[in-house]
């Protein structure tokens, strides 16, 4: 049985950058000496700042768990003066942004050929955080930006390439909570992962071949102060390329509970670069649990019984939209997890119906577009939003400080079946990661790191608050979610998964399922809830 820890996060000490010796062979594919010379001064400036910001995040979480919850900031220049973002013509229509892992060239080409107004190539939640995947993802991004990315279609027996279009390409690096090892040979230094991913792309591309400026999606923000890190990085990267300071553009995902209270201040700090905000609903749900982990009033229902218009999402949608439109930015909605199917007509019909309802709700909140992950979703998503956007629209009686923590009372159900589904999903998701997949289609839902994180947190909060919250089986009988009980659930669900495998399944794959089971429970036991 595992020993379950108290909530705690760790961070590495700031590196010095003084031990690197140029002129040595680099063991990682795609890392040249010229790039390291480009990166080193940026690393010395931005990695220590990243480590400081990471430490502040830990402090903010500890305060929340101690009772000092995130709240709106006092009035400031960002919230009291008139200021506007200039929205370029090339991104005025973003009614649908398709998203997928950058290491999947076939999916990337299909998304870029889907007719979607925007496509986000991901180096973060949907990509397994392994070097071969990251290296391939960066290669594919650079090829896509050049218009040269291809894949071999076995059915057509030919290579398929990107068709010319006005689709905007967005790029998502890793967030400020992550570090990259192994970049400077013969040292144990860590480099800010956000810096590394972004610098690799800027270094590797000739801006003259691009149809629009380099455009990034900033993930996992937790404070307005972090915008200054990104602002300074964008300027520092533009300089060596001979580009204007404001050349690089961005959108930012609202994926953490404290960031929801600082959206306007964050955008103000990045106003020369930022074009919009996006409600990353699944990571936001995970963060909401994380910052209220020991509050029995915040034990969330089974994930798939939570409606898309639940109040803690709806209040945030309306505030995000109001702030974006106040300052001329786009407001983008989140991902619908239920996926269409070309082999299951009933599932396909249900998925597309849920998609239409979800996107129509976002459009009714005056959002300008949303995310999808499958080409079959594009037309339905686009058709829910007015062309080209709604960014001049405002609702009467907008509330500047709405309740962003309305308790989920009377929403969904809290059941043993929901706990089992969570255990089963995290095992299968982690198995996918061990096989190099950062996103996996499970039971009709596309699960990535964000939804895996939700499930791990849900399991943890049900254990932590088991004496105060009733979790019932199918007969309505309460079930005590002790650590021993959860360990047994992991055993039972692993056995069930293994029993469902074909008889001739390779022993190595079975061993990976067992490893996935151990890793998943261990992450919960040790309270490792950062999106890693």
Protein backbone atom coordinates (compact mmCIF):
# COMPACT_ATOMS: atom_id res chain seq x y z
CA UNK A 1 0.00 0.00 0.00
CA UNK A 2 1.23 3.51 -0.83
CA UNK A 3 1.67 6.16 1.85
CA UNK A 4 -0.32 9.26 0.83
CA UNK A 5 1.51 12.56 1.29
CA UNK A 6 0.25 15.95 2.33
CA UNK A 7 -0.11 18.55 -0.49
CA UNK A 8 3.31 19.77 -1.52
CA UNK A 9 5.11 20.97 -4.65
CA UNK A 10 8.84 21.22 -5.31
CA UNK A 11 11.01 23.38 -7.52
CA UNK A 12 14.62 23.22 -8.64
CA UNK A 13 17.28 25.72 -7.63
CA UNK A 14 18.04 28.41 -10.24
CA UNK A 15 20.84 27.36 -12.60
CA UNK A 16 23.92 29.51 -13.11
CA UNK A 17 24.70 28.94 -16.79
CA UNK A 18 28.44 29.14 -16.03
CA UNK A 19 29.44 25.49 -16.56
CA UNK A 20 28.65 25.19 -20.26
CA UNK A 21 31.69 24.82 -22.53
CA UNK A 22 31.04 25.48 -26.26
CA UNK A 23 32.37 23.26 -29.00
CA UNK A 24 31.16 19.89 -27.72
CA UNK A 25 28.98 17.36 -29.51
CA UNK A 26 25.37 17.52 -28.35
CA UNK A 27 23.61 14.21 -27.70
CA UNK A 28 20.08 15.50 -28.45
CA UNK A 29 18.85 15.61 -32.05
CA UNK A 30 18.35 19.07 -33.50
CA UNK A 31 20.53 20.96 -31.00
CA UNK A 32 23.35 22.75 -32.80
CA UNK A 33 26.22 24.79 -31.37
CA UNK A 34 24.81 27.88 -33.07
CA UNK A 35 21.50 27.37 -31.32
CA UNK A 36 23.20 26.94 -27.94
CA UNK A 37 25.04 30.22 -28.45
CA UNK A 38 21.69 31.82 -29.29
CA UNK A 39 20.04 30.24 -26.24
CA UNK A 40 22.71 30.76 -23.58
CA UNK A 41 22.25 34.51 -22.89
CA UNK A 42 18.46 34.03 -22.92
CA UNK A 43 18.81 31.14 -20.49
CA UNK A 44 20.91 33.23 -18.10
CA UNK A 45 18.26 35.95 -18.08
CA UNK A 46 14.98 34.06 -18.23
CA UNK A 47 15.48 30.74 -16.43
CA UNK A 48 16.20 32.33 -13.02
CA UNK A 49 13.11 34.50 -13.49
CA UNK A 50 11.08 31.41 -14.34
CA UNK A 51 12.27 29.71 -11.16
CA UNK A 52 11.25 32.73 -9.09
CA UNK A 53 7.79 32.72 -10.66
CA UNK A 54 7.49 28.98 -10.01
CA UNK A 55 8.27 29.53 -6.32
CA UNK A 56 5.55 32.21 -6.15
CA UNK A 57 3.08 29.72 -7.61
CA UNK A 58 3.83 27.26 -4.82
CA UNK A 59 3.29 29.98 -2.25
CA UNK A 60 -0.03 30.95 -3.84
CA UNK A 61 -1.25 27.35 -3.74
CA UNK A 62 -0.20 26.94 -0.10
CA UNK A 63 -2.10 30.11 0.83
CA UNK A 64 -5.23 28.85 -0.92
CA UNK A 65 -5.07 25.47 0.82
CA UNK A 66 -4.61 27.40 4.06
CA UNK A 67 -7.79 29.41 3.49
CA UNK A 68 -6.59 32.54 1.64
CA UNK A 69 -8.30 31.91 -1.69
CA UNK A 70 -7.44 33.70 -4.95
CA UNK A 71 -9.30 36.99 -5.39
CA UNK A 72 -9.56 40.00 -7.68
CA UNK A 73 -6.70 42.51 -7.54
CA UNK A 74 -7.12 46.15 -6.41
CA UNK A 75 -7.83 48.76 -9.13
CA UNK A 76 -4.81 49.60 -11.27
CA UNK A 77 -3.88 51.30 -14.52
CA UNK A 78 -4.73 48.05 -16.32
CA UNK A 79 -8.33 48.15 -15.10
CA UNK A 80 -9.06 51.89 -14.93
CA UNK A 81 -7.62 53.52 -18.06
CA UNK A 82 -8.76 53.16 -21.67
CA UNK A 83 -6.59 50.83 -23.72
CA UNK A 84 -7.17 48.69 -26.81
CA UNK A 85 -5.47 45.89 -28.70
CA UNK A 86 -5.16 46.29 -32.45
CA UNK A 87 -6.58 43.10 -33.96
CA UNK A 88 -4.80 42.33 -37.27
CA UNK A 89 -6.87 41.42 -40.33
CA UNK A 90 -5.21 38.01 -40.63
CA UNK A 91 -6.72 36.75 -37.36
CA UNK A 92 -10.11 38.46 -37.25
CA UNK A 93 -11.87 35.17 -38.04
CA UNK A 94 -10.98 32.53 -35.47
CA UNK A 95 -14.38 30.88 -35.15
CA UNK A 96 -12.70 27.50 -34.81
CA UNK A 97 -9.16 26.67 -33.82
CA UNK A 98 -8.30 23.02 -34.35
CA UNK A 99 -5.71 21.65 -31.96
CA UNK A 100 -3.50 18.58 -31.89
CA UNK A 101 -0.03 17.24 -31.02
CA UNK A 102 2.73 18.65 -33.20
CA UNK A 103 4.51 15.30 -33.49
CA UNK A 104 1.62 13.82 -35.52
CA UNK A 105 2.32 15.02 -39.06
CA UNK A 106 -0.77 13.34 -40.54
CA UNK A 107 -3.10 15.04 -38.07
CA UNK A 108 -1.30 18.37 -38.50
CA UNK A 109 -1.70 18.28 -42.29
CA UNK A 110 -5.34 17.21 -42.03
CA UNK A 111 -6.09 20.04 -39.57
CA UNK A 112 -4.35 22.57 -41.80
CA UNK A 113 -6.34 21.29 -44.81
CA UNK A 114 -9.67 21.19 -42.94
CA UNK A 115 -10.67 24.77 -43.69
CA UNK A 116 -10.50 25.70 -40.00
CA UNK A 117 -9.76 29.41 -39.49
CA UNK A 118 -7.03 28.52 -37.00
CA UNK A 119 -4.87 25.52 -36.12
CA UNK A 120 -2.84 25.16 -32.91
CA UNK A 121 0.16 22.82 -33.14
CA UNK A 122 0.85 21.62 -29.63
CA UNK A 123 4.11 20.96 -27.78
CA UNK A 124 2.33 20.77 -24.43
CA UNK A 125 -0.65 18.81 -23.03
CA UNK A 126 -1.38 16.59 -26.03
CA UNK A 127 2.27 15.71 -26.71
CA UNK A 128 4.13 13.13 -24.62
CA UNK A 129 6.94 14.96 -22.80
CA UNK A 130 9.68 12.77 -24.28
CA UNK A 131 12.62 14.03 -26.29
CA UNK A 132 11.89 12.16 -29.56
CA UNK A 133 8.31 13.49 -29.55
CA UNK A 134 9.43 17.03 -28.76
CA UNK A 135 12.17 17.01 -31.40
CA UNK A 136 9.76 15.71 -34.04
CA UNK A 137 7.10 18.19 -32.93
CA UNK A 138 9.43 21.17 -33.36
CA UNK A 139 10.56 19.82 -36.75
CA UNK A 140 6.92 19.47 -37.87
CA UNK A 141 6.10 22.99 -36.67
CA UNK A 142 8.94 24.49 -38.67
CA UNK A 143 7.93 22.49 -41.76
CA UNK A 144 4.28 23.52 -41.33
CA UNK A 145 5.23 27.19 -41.00
CA UNK A 146 7.19 26.85 -44.25
CA UNK A 147 4.20 25.17 -45.90
CA UNK A 148 6.23 22.01 -46.54
CA UNK A 149 4.89 19.51 -44.01
CA UNK A 150 3.74 16.21 -45.58
CA UNK A 151 2.63 12.71 -44.58
CA UNK A 152 2.31 9.45 -46.48
CA UNK A 153 -1.29 8.33 -47.02
CA UNK A 154 -1.24 4.52 -47.24
CA UNK A 155 -4.77 4.35 -48.71
CA UNK A 156 -3.94 6.81 -51.47
CA UNK A 157 -0.37 5.48 -51.76
CA UNK A 158 1.03 9.00 -52.03
CA UNK A 159 2.39 11.89 -50.05
CA UNK A 160 -0.14 14.52 -48.91
CA UNK A 161 0.97 18.10 -48.39
CA UNK A 162 -0.50 21.30 -46.98
CA UNK A 163 -2.86 23.18 -49.30
CA UNK A 164 -2.52 26.98 -49.57
CA UNK A 165 -5.00 28.67 -47.22
CA UNK A 166 -5.51 31.60 -44.85
CA UNK A 167 -5.51 29.32 -41.80
CA UNK A 168 -3.69 30.93 -38.89
CA UNK A 169 -1.07 28.69 -37.30
CA UNK A 170 -0.74 28.94 -33.52
CA UNK A 171 2.06 27.26 -31.57
CA UNK A 172 1.84 26.13 -27.95
CA UNK A 173 5.09 25.69 -25.99
CA UNK A 174 5.27 24.20 -22.51
CA UNK A 175 4.31 26.34 -19.52
CA UNK A 176 6.41 28.13 -16.92
CA UNK A 177 5.99 25.28 -14.43
CA UNK A 178 8.24 23.00 -16.49
CA UNK A 179 12.00 22.73 -17.05
CA UNK A 180 14.06 21.02 -19.72
CA UNK A 181 17.12 18.97 -18.79
CA UNK A 182 20.03 17.90 -20.96
CA UNK A 183 20.42 21.01 -23.09
CA UNK A 184 23.85 22.16 -21.95
CA UNK A 185 26.20 19.13 -22.13
CA UNK A 186 28.20 18.10 -19.07
CA UNK A 187 26.05 20.17 -16.71
CA UNK A 188 23.03 19.31 -14.62
CA UNK A 189 21.34 22.62 -15.40
CA UNK A 190 17.68 22.95 -16.13
CA UNK A 191 16.40 25.37 -18.77
CA UNK A 192 12.95 26.96 -18.60
CA UNK A 193 10.89 24.73 -20.91
CA UNK A 194 8.85 27.70 -22.19
CA UNK A 195 12.07 29.43 -23.17
CA UNK A 196 13.52 26.36 -24.86
CA UNK A 197 10.44 25.54 -26.97
CA UNK A 198 9.83 29.14 -28.03
CA UNK A 199 13.49 29.84 -28.77
CA UNK A 200 13.83 26.68 -30.88
CA UNK A 201 10.97 27.81 -33.10
CA UNK A 202 12.07 31.44 -33.42
CA UNK A 203 15.66 30.39 -34.09
CA UNK A 204 14.66 27.83 -36.72
CA UNK A 205 12.35 29.93 -38.88
CA UNK A 206 12.92 32.63 -41.50
CA UNK A 207 10.10 35.15 -40.88
CA UNK A 208 10.13 36.16 -44.55
CA UNK A 209 8.51 32.82 -45.51
CA UNK A 210 5.59 33.25 -43.09
CA UNK A 211 2.11 34.38 -44.12
CA UNK A 212 1.57 36.03 -40.72
CA UNK A 213 3.75 36.83 -37.67
CA UNK A 214 4.83 34.02 -35.38
CA UNK A 215 1.92 33.42 -33.03
CA UNK A 216 2.07 31.50 -29.76
CA UNK A 217 -0.47 30.20 -27.27
CA UNK A 218 0.71 30.86 -23.70
CA UNK A 219 -0.34 27.97 -21.41
CA UNK A 220 -0.71 27.44 -17.66
CA UNK A 221 -0.43 31.07 -16.54
CA UNK A 222 -1.13 31.74 -12.86
CA UNK A 223 -0.54 35.49 -12.45
CA UNK A 224 -0.48 38.82 -14.29
CA UNK A 225 3.20 39.15 -13.36
CA UNK A 226 4.03 36.20 -15.61
CA UNK A 227 2.95 38.26 -18.64
CA UNK A 228 6.06 40.39 -18.12
CA UNK A 229 8.24 37.28 -18.50
CA UNK A 230 6.60 36.47 -21.83
CA UNK A 231 6.66 40.11 -22.99
CA UNK A 232 10.39 40.39 -22.31
CA UNK A 233 11.05 37.00 -23.93
CA UNK A 234 9.18 37.93 -27.11
CA UNK A 235 11.18 41.16 -27.34
CA UNK A 236 14.48 39.39 -26.62
CA UNK A 237 13.79 36.80 -29.33
CA UNK A 238 12.76 39.40 -31.90
CA UNK A 239 15.96 41.43 -31.54
CA UNK A 240 18.51 38.90 -32.90
CA UNK A 241 16.21 38.21 -35.86
CA UNK A 242 16.05 41.89 -36.76
CA UNK A 243 12.33 42.05 -36.08
CA UNK A 244 10.26 44.77 -34.39
CA UNK A 245 9.83 44.34 -30.62
CA UNK A 246 6.09 43.72 -31.03
CA UNK A 247 6.46 41.26 -33.94
CA UNK A 248 5.57 38.07 -32.04
CA UNK A 249 1.86 37.73 -31.26
CA UNK A 250 0.06 35.50 -28.81
CA UNK A 251 -3.11 34.32 -27.19
CA UNK A 252 -3.24 33.07 -23.62
CA UNK A 253 -5.13 30.18 -22.08
CA UNK A 254 -7.04 30.80 -18.86
CA UNK A 255 -6.30 27.44 -17.26
CA UNK A 256 -5.69 28.24 -13.60
CA UNK A 257 -8.02 29.50 -10.91
CA UNK A 258 -5.80 32.41 -9.71
CA UNK A 259 -5.32 33.63 -13.30
CA UNK A 260 -9.09 33.99 -13.68
CA UNK A 261 -8.90 36.91 -11.23
CA UNK A 262 -6.02 38.63 -13.10
CA UNK A 263 -6.95 38.33 -16.78
CA UNK A 264 -7.25 42.05 -17.46
CA UNK A 265 -3.96 42.88 -15.75
CA UNK A 266 -2.21 40.04 -17.62
CA UNK A 267 -3.49 41.25 -20.99
CA UNK A 268 -2.45 44.81 -20.20
CA UNK A 269 1.11 43.70 -19.50
CA UNK A 270 1.19 41.99 -22.91
CA UNK A 271 -0.91 44.48 -24.85
CA UNK A 272 1.65 44.92 -27.67
CA UNK A 273 1.52 41.16 -28.36
CA UNK A 274 -1.74 39.64 -27.14
CA UNK A 275 -4.72 39.08 -29.45
CA UNK A 276 -7.09 37.12 -27.24
CA UNK A 277 -7.84 34.86 -24.29
CA UNK A 278 -9.06 31.27 -24.34
CA UNK A 279 -10.93 29.41 -21.60
CA UNK A 280 -8.95 26.16 -21.26
CA UNK A 281 -11.80 24.56 -19.40
CA UNK A 282 -10.31 21.16 -18.54
CA UNK A 283 -7.10 22.47 -17.00
CA UNK A 284 -9.18 25.18 -15.35
CA UNK A 285 -11.39 22.51 -13.77
CA UNK A 286 -8.27 20.71 -12.53
CA UNK A 287 -6.89 23.94 -11.08
CA UNK A 288 -10.21 24.70 -9.41
CA UNK A 289 -10.02 21.34 -7.62
CA UNK A 290 -6.33 21.85 -6.80
CA UNK A 291 -6.80 25.26 -5.16
CA UNK A 292 -9.83 23.97 -3.20
CA UNK A 293 -8.54 20.45 -2.61
CA UNK A 294 -9.32 20.28 1.12
CA UNK A 295 -12.72 22.03 0.89
CA UNK A 296 -15.58 19.47 1.10
CA UNK A 297 -17.91 21.94 -0.63
CA UNK A 298 -15.68 21.68 -3.69
CA UNK A 299 -15.66 17.90 -4.15
CA UNK A 300 -16.67 17.88 -7.80
CA UNK A 301 -19.16 15.40 -9.27
CA UNK A 302 -18.19 12.67 -11.72
CA UNK A 303 -16.55 14.55 -14.57
CA UNK A 304 -18.87 13.47 -17.37
CA UNK A 305 -21.97 14.44 -15.37
CA UNK A 306 -20.86 18.09 -15.13
CA UNK A 307 -22.76 20.15 -17.75
CA UNK A 308 -20.84 22.47 -20.07
CA UNK A 309 -22.81 25.46 -18.76
CA UNK A 310 -22.11 24.80 -15.06
CA UNK A 311 -21.99 28.12 -13.20
CA UNK A 312 -18.24 28.11 -12.41
CA UNK A 313 -17.57 27.89 -16.16
CA UNK A 314 -20.39 30.19 -17.22
CA UNK A 315 -19.44 33.07 -14.91
CA UNK A 316 -15.84 32.85 -16.13
CA UNK A 317 -16.90 32.68 -19.79
CA UNK A 318 -18.90 35.86 -19.45
CA UNK A 319 -16.18 37.72 -17.57
CA UNK A 320 -13.48 36.60 -20.01
CA UNK A 321 -15.61 37.69 -22.96
CA UNK A 322 -16.46 41.06 -21.42
CA UNK A 323 -12.79 41.84 -20.69
CA UNK A 324 -11.64 40.73 -24.12
CA UNK A 325 -14.23 42.79 -25.96
CA UNK A 326 -13.63 45.78 -23.71
CA UNK A 327 -10.05 45.86 -24.97
CA UNK A 328 -10.53 44.70 -28.58
CA UNK A 329 -9.33 41.11 -28.12
CA UNK A 330 -10.86 37.81 -29.23
CA UNK A 331 -12.55 35.54 -26.68
CA UNK A 332 -12.13 31.86 -27.52
CA UNK A 333 -13.97 28.93 -25.95
CA UNK A 334 -12.67 25.54 -24.94
CA UNK A 335 -12.46 21.99 -26.22
CA UNK A 336 -15.40 19.60 -26.37
CA UNK A 337 -14.00 16.28 -25.15
CA UNK A 338 -16.58 13.90 -26.69
CA UNK A 339 -15.18 12.90 -30.08
CA UNK A 340 -17.02 12.04 -33.31
CA UNK A 341 -16.62 8.53 -34.71
CA UNK A 342 -16.61 7.37 -38.33
CA UNK A 343 -17.34 3.76 -37.30
CA UNK A 344 -20.02 4.25 -34.62
CA UNK A 345 -23.00 6.20 -36.05
CA UNK A 346 -24.76 6.48 -32.69
CA UNK A 347 -21.67 7.89 -30.93
CA UNK A 348 -21.00 10.18 -33.88
CA UNK A 349 -24.51 11.64 -33.79
CA UNK A 350 -24.33 12.18 -30.03
CA UNK A 351 -20.85 13.75 -30.23
CA UNK A 352 -21.82 16.22 -32.94
CA UNK A 353 -25.04 17.13 -31.11
CA UNK A 354 -23.07 17.81 -27.90
CA UNK A 355 -20.56 19.82 -29.93
CA UNK A 356 -23.24 22.03 -31.47
CA UNK A 357 -24.89 22.68 -28.09
CA UNK A 358 -21.55 23.45 -26.45
CA UNK A 359 -20.38 25.88 -29.13
CA UNK A 360 -23.79 27.56 -29.36
CA UNK A 361 -23.63 28.20 -25.61
CA UNK A 362 -20.19 29.79 -26.07
CA UNK A 363 -21.51 31.89 -28.95
CA UNK A 364 -24.43 33.01 -26.78
CA UNK A 365 -21.84 34.14 -24.21
CA UNK A 366 -20.55 36.35 -27.07
CA UNK A 367 -17.37 34.35 -27.56
CA UNK A 368 -15.74 34.65 -30.97
CA UNK A 369 -14.77 31.03 -31.53
CA UNK A 370 -13.72 27.82 -29.82
CA UNK A 371 -11.44 24.79 -30.00
CA UNK A 372 -12.02 21.41 -31.62
CA UNK A 373 -9.72 18.46 -32.23
CA UNK A 374 -11.24 16.55 -35.18
CA UNK A 375 -11.73 17.71 -38.80
CA UNK A 376 -15.36 16.48 -38.74
CA UNK A 377 -16.09 19.05 -36.02
CA UNK A 378 -14.94 22.09 -37.97
CA UNK A 379 -18.06 23.04 -39.97
CA UNK A 380 -20.41 22.58 -37.01
CA UNK A 381 -18.18 24.65 -34.72
CA UNK A 382 -17.67 27.45 -37.26
CA UNK A 383 -21.40 27.69 -37.97
CA UNK A 384 -22.28 28.40 -34.33
CA UNK A 385 -20.39 31.73 -34.34
CA UNK A 386 -21.16 34.91 -36.31
CA UNK A 387 -18.60 35.82 -39.00
CA UNK A 388 -15.92 37.02 -38.51
CA UNK A 389 -16.25 37.56 -34.75
CA UNK A 390 -18.34 39.20 -32.03
CA UNK A 391 -15.57 41.19 -30.43
CA UNK A 392 -17.50 44.45 -30.49
CA UNK A 393 -20.50 42.91 -28.71
CA UNK A 394 -21.15 43.51 -25.01
CA UNK A 395 -23.86 42.23 -22.71
CA UNK A 396 -25.84 44.79 -20.69
CA UNK A 397 -25.19 44.75 -16.98
CA UNK A 398 -21.78 43.11 -17.14
CA UNK A 399 -20.39 42.33 -13.72
CA UNK A 400 -16.70 43.13 -13.29
CA UNK A 401 -16.24 40.99 -10.17
CA UNK A 402 -18.55 37.98 -10.53
CA UNK A 403 -18.37 34.97 -8.25
CA UNK A 404 -15.68 32.78 -9.79
CA UNK A 405 -16.03 30.15 -7.08
CA UNK A 406 -19.74 29.28 -7.02
CA UNK A 407 -20.05 25.93 -5.27
CA UNK A 408 -21.17 23.07 -7.56
CA UNK A 409 -24.19 22.30 -5.40
CA UNK A 410 -26.84 20.16 -7.10
CA UNK A 411 -24.66 19.51 -10.14
CA UNK A 412 -24.11 15.99 -11.49
CA UNK A 413 -23.57 13.03 -9.18
CA UNK A 414 -20.77 11.80 -6.94
CA UNK A 415 -20.56 8.04 -7.34
CA UNK A 416 -18.33 5.03 -7.01
CA UNK A 417 -18.78 4.51 -10.76
CA UNK A 418 -17.25 7.96 -11.27
CA UNK A 419 -14.26 7.04 -9.12
CA UNK A 420 -13.81 3.77 -11.03
CA UNK A 421 -13.96 5.62 -14.34
CA UNK A 422 -11.31 8.04 -13.08
CA UNK A 423 -9.00 5.20 -11.98
CA UNK A 424 -9.48 3.34 -15.25
CA UNK A 425 -8.84 6.47 -17.30
CA UNK A 426 -5.62 7.50 -15.55
CA UNK A 427 -4.17 4.00 -15.97
CA UNK A 428 -4.96 3.91 -19.67
CA UNK A 429 -3.85 7.49 -20.22
CA UNK A 430 -0.50 6.90 -18.50
CA UNK A 431 -0.08 3.73 -20.59
CA UNK A 432 -0.45 5.92 -23.68
CA UNK A 433 2.21 8.30 -22.38
CA UNK A 434 4.60 5.39 -21.82
CA UNK A 435 4.05 4.56 -25.50
CA UNK A 436 4.74 8.13 -26.62
CA UNK A 437 1.13 9.37 -26.88
CA UNK A 438 0.17 12.59 -25.14
CA UNK A 439 -3.51 12.31 -26.08
CA UNK A 440 -5.59 9.12 -26.25
CA UNK A 441 -9.18 8.46 -27.35
CA UNK A 442 -10.83 6.57 -24.45
CA UNK A 443 -14.51 5.62 -24.33
CA UNK A 444 -15.35 8.26 -26.92
CA UNK A 445 -13.51 11.07 -25.10
CA UNK A 446 -10.18 12.54 -26.16
CA UNK A 447 -8.14 12.50 -22.98
CA UNK A 448 -4.93 14.48 -22.63
CA UNK A 449 -2.81 15.67 -19.73
CA UNK A 450 -5.52 18.11 -18.60
CA UNK A 451 -8.23 15.49 -18.20
CA UNK A 452 -5.77 13.01 -16.68
CA UNK A 453 -4.98 15.71 -14.13
CA UNK A 454 -8.69 16.24 -13.40
CA UNK A 455 -9.15 12.56 -12.65
CA UNK A 456 -6.09 12.32 -10.40
CA UNK A 457 -7.27 15.35 -8.44
CA UNK A 458 -10.83 14.02 -8.21
CA UNK A 459 -9.58 10.76 -6.73
CA UNK A 460 -7.40 12.67 -4.24
CA UNK A 461 -10.15 15.03 -3.10
CA UNK A 462 -12.56 12.14 -2.59
CA UNK A 463 -10.04 10.48 -0.29
CA UNK A 464 -9.17 13.69 1.50
CA UNK A 465 -12.80 14.64 2.18
CA UNK A 466 -14.23 11.14 2.61
CA UNK A 467 -15.53 11.83 6.13
CA UNK A 468 -17.58 14.82 4.95
CA UNK A 469 -18.83 13.87 1.47
CA UNK A 470 -21.02 10.89 0.65
CA UNK A 471 -19.90 8.84 -2.35
CA UNK A 472 -22.39 6.09 -3.18
CA UNK A 473 -22.44 2.86 -5.15
CA UNK A 474 -25.21 1.86 -7.57
CA UNK A 475 -27.42 0.84 -4.65
CA UNK A 476 -27.05 4.21 -2.97
CA UNK A 477 -24.81 2.81 -0.24
CA UNK A 478 -21.95 5.15 0.85
CA UNK A 479 -18.46 3.88 0.09
CA UNK A 480 -15.54 5.06 2.25
CA UNK A 481 -12.73 6.20 -0.09
CA UNK A 482 -9.75 5.25 2.05
CA UNK A 483 -6.25 4.91 0.56
CA UNK A 484 -6.60 1.13 0.92
CA UNK A 485 -9.89 1.19 -0.98
CA UNK A 486 -8.38 3.29 -3.79
CA UNK A 487 -5.42 0.92 -4.03
CA UNK A 488 -7.87 -1.96 -4.41
CA UNK A 489 -9.71 -0.05 -7.14
CA UNK A 490 -6.44 0.38 -9.00
CA UNK A 491 -5.84 -3.38 -8.72
CA UNK A 492 -9.37 -4.22 -9.89
CA UNK A 493 -9.34 -1.82 -12.84
CA UNK A 494 -5.88 -2.98 -13.94
CA UNK A 495 -7.10 -6.59 -13.84
CA UNK A 496 -10.14 -5.61 -15.87
CA UNK A 497 -8.00 -3.83 -18.47
CA UNK A 498 -5.62 -6.76 -18.75
CA UNK A 499 -8.52 -9.23 -19.00
CA UNK A 500 -9.92 -7.26 -21.95
CA UNK A 501 -6.65 -7.47 -23.90
CA UNK A 502 -6.24 -10.10 -26.63
CA UNK A 503 -4.78 -13.38 -25.39
CA UNK A 504 -1.65 -12.93 -27.50
CA UNK A 505 -0.83 -9.44 -26.13
CA UNK A 506 2.92 -8.96 -25.85
CA UNK A 507 4.29 -9.33 -22.31
CA UNK A 508 6.08 -5.98 -22.68
CA UNK A 509 2.75 -4.18 -23.23
CA UNK A 510 1.25 -5.88 -20.19
CA UNK A 511 4.26 -4.75 -18.16
CA UNK A 512 3.65 -1.18 -19.36
CA UNK A 513 0.05 -1.33 -18.15
CA UNK A 514 1.32 -2.44 -14.74
CA UNK A 515 3.84 0.39 -14.78
CA UNK A 516 1.11 2.86 -15.74
CA UNK A 517 -1.01 1.66 -12.82
CA UNK A 518 1.88 2.17 -10.38
CA UNK A 519 2.84 5.57 -11.74
CA UNK A 520 -0.73 6.86 -11.65
CA UNK A 521 -1.41 5.87 -8.07
CA UNK A 522 2.02 7.09 -7.01
CA UNK A 523 1.32 10.56 -8.49
CA UNK A 524 -1.90 10.74 -6.49
CA UNK A 525 -0.30 9.47 -3.31
CA UNK A 526 2.52 12.01 -3.53
CA UNK A 527 0.16 14.88 -4.43
CA UNK A 528 1.93 15.46 -7.75
CA UNK A 529 -0.81 17.48 -9.41
CA UNK A 530 1.10 19.96 -11.51
CA UNK A 531 0.49 19.22 -15.22
CA UNK A 532 3.63 17.13 -15.89
